[in-house]
C-alpha atoms as a PDB file:
ATOM      1  CA  MET A   1      79.252 271.183 102.934  1.00  0.00           C
ATOM      2  CA  HIS A   2      81.885 273.511 101.570  1.00  0.00           C
ATOM      3  CA  LEU A   3      83.464 273.586  98.117  1.00  0.00           C
ATOM      4  CA  ILE A   4      87.105 274.574  98.597  1.00  0.00           C
ATOM      5  CA  THR A   5      88.669 276.247  95.558  1.00  0.00           C
ATOM      6  CA  THR A   6      91.077 278.661  97.278  1.00  0.00           C
ATOM      7  CA  PRO A   7      93.355 278.219 100.310  1.00  0.00           C
ATOM      8  CA  ILE A   8      91.720 278.046 103.736  1.00  0.00           C
ATOM      9  CA  PRO A   9      93.177 277.961 107.241  1.00  0.00           C
ATOM     10  CA  LEU A  10      93.177 274.702 109.162  1.00  0.00           C
ATOM     11  CA  SER A  11      90.812 276.348 111.656  1.00  0.00           C
ATOM     12  CA  PHE A  12      88.160 276.545 108.898  1.00  0.00           C
ATOM     13  CA  VAL A  13      88.422 272.780 108.471  1.00  0.00           C
ATOM     14  CA  THR A  14      88.019 272.060 112.174  1.00  0.00           C
ATOM     15  CA  GLU A  15      85.142 274.520 112.558  1.00  0.00           C
ATOM     16  CA  ASN A  16      83.210 273.722 109.364  1.00  0.00           C
ATOM     17  CA  ALA A  17      83.994 270.198 108.217  1.00  0.00           C
ATOM     18  CA  ASN A  18      81.545 268.232 110.372  1.00  0.00           C
ATOM     19  CA  CYS A  19      84.466 266.484 112.079  1.00  0.00           C
ATOM     20  CA  THR A  20      83.870 263.435 114.249  1.00  0.00           C
ATOM     21  CA  ASN A  21      85.971 262.111 117.108  1.00  0.00           C
ATOM     22  CA  PRO A  22      86.450 258.346 116.810  1.00  0.00           C
ATOM     23  CA  ASP A  23      89.047 257.071 119.261  1.00  0.00           C
ATOM     24  CA  GLY A  24      89.466 260.614 120.569  1.00  0.00           C
ATOM     25  CA  LYS A  25      90.926 261.856 117.266  1.00  0.00           C
ATOM     26  CA  SER A  26      89.299 264.572 115.183  1.00  0.00           C
ATOM     27  CA  LEU A  27      88.481 263.136 111.725  1.00  0.00           C
ATOM     28  CA  CYS A  28      87.115 265.231 108.841  1.00  0.00           C
ATOM     29  CA  LYS A  29      85.948 263.693 105.579  1.00  0.00           C
ATOM     30  CA  ALA A  30      86.937 265.269 102.261  1.00  0.00           C
ATOM     31  CA  VAL A  31      86.695 264.442  98.560  1.00  0.00           C
ATOM     32  CA  VAL A  32      89.399 265.747  96.241  1.00  0.00           C
ATOM     33  CA  ASP A  33      89.082 266.350  92.489  1.00  0.00           C
ATOM     34  CA  VAL A  34      92.602 265.671  91.192  1.00  0.00           C
ATOM     35  CA  ASP A  35      91.844 267.221  87.803  1.00  0.00           C
ATOM     36  CA  ARG A  36      90.295 270.497  88.940  1.00  0.00           C
ATOM     37  CA  LYS A  37      92.458 270.706  92.101  1.00  0.00           C
ATOM     38  CA  ILE A  38      89.521 271.424  94.398  1.00  0.00           C
ATOM     39  CA  MET A  39      87.862 269.579  97.261  1.00  0.00           C
ATOM     40  CA  VAL A  40      84.712 269.414  99.332  1.00  0.00           C
ATOM     41  CA  ILE A  41      84.655 269.160 103.118  1.00  0.00           C
ATOM     42  CA  GLY A  42      81.825 268.996 105.614  1.00  0.00           C
ATOM     43  CA  GLY A  43      79.790 266.004 104.502  1.00  0.00           C
ATOM     44  CA  SER A  44      78.864 263.296 106.961  1.00  0.00           C
ATOM     45  CA  MET A  45      79.767 260.757 104.261  1.00  0.00           C
ATOM     46  CA  HIS A  46      82.232 260.863 101.374  1.00  0.00           C
ATOM     47  CA  VAL A  47      79.437 259.999  98.951  1.00  0.00           C
ATOM     48  CA  ASP A  48      77.638 263.256  99.816  1.00  0.00           C
ATOM     49  CA  GLU A  49      80.773 265.262  99.038  1.00  0.00           C
ATOM     50  CA  GLU A  50      81.304 263.257  95.851  1.00  0.00           C
ATOM     51  CA  GLU A  51      77.737 264.066  94.775  1.00  0.00           C
ATOM     52  CA  MET A  52      78.332 267.779  95.338  1.00  0.00           C
ATOM     53  CA  LEU A  53      81.424 267.700  93.111  1.00  0.00           C
ATOM     54  CA  LEU A  54      79.557 265.747  90.432  1.00  0.00           C
ATOM     55  CA  ASP A  55      76.873 268.451  90.525  1.00  0.00           C
ATOM     56  CA  GLU A  56      79.704 270.971  90.029  1.00  0.00           C
ATOM     57  CA  GLU A  57      80.740 269.245  86.761  1.00  0.00           C
ATOM     58  CA  SER A  58      83.561 267.094  88.175  1.00  0.00           C
ATOM     59  CA  GLU A  59      84.147 263.677  86.616  1.00  0.00           C
ATOM     60  CA  GLN A  60      83.804 260.685  88.915  1.00  0.00           C
ATOM     61  CA  ASN A  61      87.102 259.102  87.852  1.00  0.00           C
ATOM     62  CA  ASN A  62      88.902 262.195  89.202  1.00  0.00           C
ATOM     63  CA  LEU A  63      87.305 262.072  92.666  1.00  0.00           C
ATOM     64  CA  TRP A  64      88.996 260.454  95.647  1.00  0.00           C
ATOM     65  CA  GLY A  65      87.856 260.263  99.260  1.00  0.00           C
ATOM     66  CA  VAL A  66      90.207 260.993 102.135  1.00  0.00           C
ATOM     67  CA  ASN A  67      90.057 261.620 105.854  1.00  0.00           C
ATOM     68  CA  LEU A  68      91.801 264.644 107.342  1.00  0.00           C
ATOM     69  CA  TYR A  69      93.115 264.561 110.904  1.00  0.00           C
ATOM     70  CA  PRO A  70      93.553 268.231 111.918  1.00  0.00           C
ATOM     71  CA  ASP A  71      95.499 267.298 115.058  1.00  0.00           C
ATOM     72  CA  GLN A  72      98.085 265.687 112.763  1.00  0.00           C
ATOM     73  CA  PHE A  73      98.509 268.702 110.454  1.00  0.00           C
ATOM     74  CA  GLY A  74     102.079 268.942 109.179  1.00  0.00           C
ATOM     75  CA  THR A  75     102.729 265.209 109.519  1.00  0.00           C
ATOM     76  CA  SER A  76     102.266 262.268 107.168  1.00  0.00           C
ATOM     77  CA  ASP A  77      99.229 261.254 109.254  1.00  0.00           C
ATOM     78  CA  PHE A  78      97.234 264.376 108.320  1.00  0.00           C
ATOM     79  CA  VAL A  79      95.718 262.721 105.211  1.00  0.00           C
ATOM     80  CA  GLU A  80      94.388 259.160 105.238  1.00  0.00           C
ATOM     81  CA  PHE A  81      93.454 257.578 101.902  1.00  0.00           C
ATOM     82  CA  ASP A  82      90.397 255.628 103.056  1.00  0.00           C
ATOM     83  CA  SER A  83      86.897 255.791 101.611  1.00  0.00           C
ATOM     84  CA  MET A  84      84.297 253.497 100.110  1.00  0.00           C
ATOM     85  CA  ILE A  85      84.128 255.780  97.050  1.00  0.00           C
ATOM     86  CA  ASN A  86      87.720 254.782  96.245  1.00  0.00           C
ATOM     87  CA  LEU A  87      86.628 251.257  95.304  1.00  0.00           C
ATOM     88  CA  ARG A  88      87.115 251.539  91.557  1.00  0.00           C
ATOM     89  CA  PRO A  89      87.946 248.173  89.982  1.00  0.00           C
ATOM     90  CA  ASN A  90      87.533 249.695  86.501  1.00  0.00           C
ATOM     91  CA  LEU A  91      90.473 252.002  87.339  1.00  0.00           C
ATOM     92  CA  GLY A  92      92.495 249.225  88.946  1.00  0.00           C
ATOM     93  CA  ASN A  93      91.759 250.460  92.475  1.00  0.00           C
ATOM     94  CA  ARG A  94      90.423 247.422  94.313  1.00  0.00           C
ATOM     95  CA  SER A  95      90.405 248.728  97.880  1.00  0.00           C
ATOM     96  CA  ARG A  96      89.144 251.634  99.974  1.00  0.00           C
ATOM     97  CA  SER A  97      92.637 253.107  99.831  1.00  0.00           C
ATOM     98  CA  VAL A  98      94.132 255.062  96.935  1.00  0.00           C
ATOM     99  CA  GLU A  99      96.519 252.463  95.562  1.00  0.00           C
ATOM    100  CA  ASN A 100      98.227 254.536  92.852  1.00  0.00           C
ATOM    101  CA  VAL A 101     101.212 256.373  94.369  1.00  0.00           C
ATOM    102  CA  GLU A 102     101.052 259.149  91.763  1.00  0.00           C
ATOM    103  CA  THR A 103      97.391 259.775  92.586  1.00  0.00           C
ATOM    104  CA  GLN A 104      98.296 259.872  96.287  1.00  0.00           C
ATOM    105  CA  LYS A 105     100.964 262.489  95.527  1.00  0.00           C
ATOM    106  CA  GLN A 106      98.436 264.562  93.558  1.00  0.00           C
ATOM    107  CA  ILE A 107      95.966 264.431  96.439  1.00  0.00           C
ATOM    108  CA  LEU A 108      98.614 265.417  98.993  1.00  0.00           C
ATOM    109  CA  SER A 109      99.729 268.311  96.803  1.00  0.00           C
ATOM    110  CA  ILE A 110      96.167 269.585  96.369  1.00  0.00           C
ATOM    111  CA  VAL A 111      95.307 269.291 100.061  1.00  0.00           C
ATOM    112  CA  SER A 112      98.534 271.041 101.080  1.00  0.00           C
ATOM    113  CA  SER A 113      97.851 273.849  98.603  1.00  0.00           C
ATOM    114  CA  LEU A 114      94.296 274.315  99.912  1.00  0.00           C
ATOM    115  CA  VAL A 115      94.803 273.926 103.686  1.00  0.00           C
ATOM    116  CA  HIS A 116      97.372 275.957 105.627  1.00  0.00           C
ATOM    117  CA  ALA A 117      98.165 276.578 109.295  1.00  0.00           C
END
């Protein structure tokens, strides 16, 4: 797994993020810390990436799981807000998605600042 704190090229994601190919699409899991503006890629499960960030002093309420689709870079389909770790009824998030639009915007901003072509 890789802790991403500075910008990386998209090629680093595809080469190092343990991407899978369901339905012929390349899918890479990531967990984003919306407070610290960092993320982890490369885990086989979001929970593994979440654990790494918790070990790095992140707070669980700031961590959100997403899927990155490198083939869709530059489109609205690049980031998918879908992970079991997003089930947070205590925060009002009652699904695997990230329901809060402002949190989605934060995640998109962080991912776009950390991953470039």
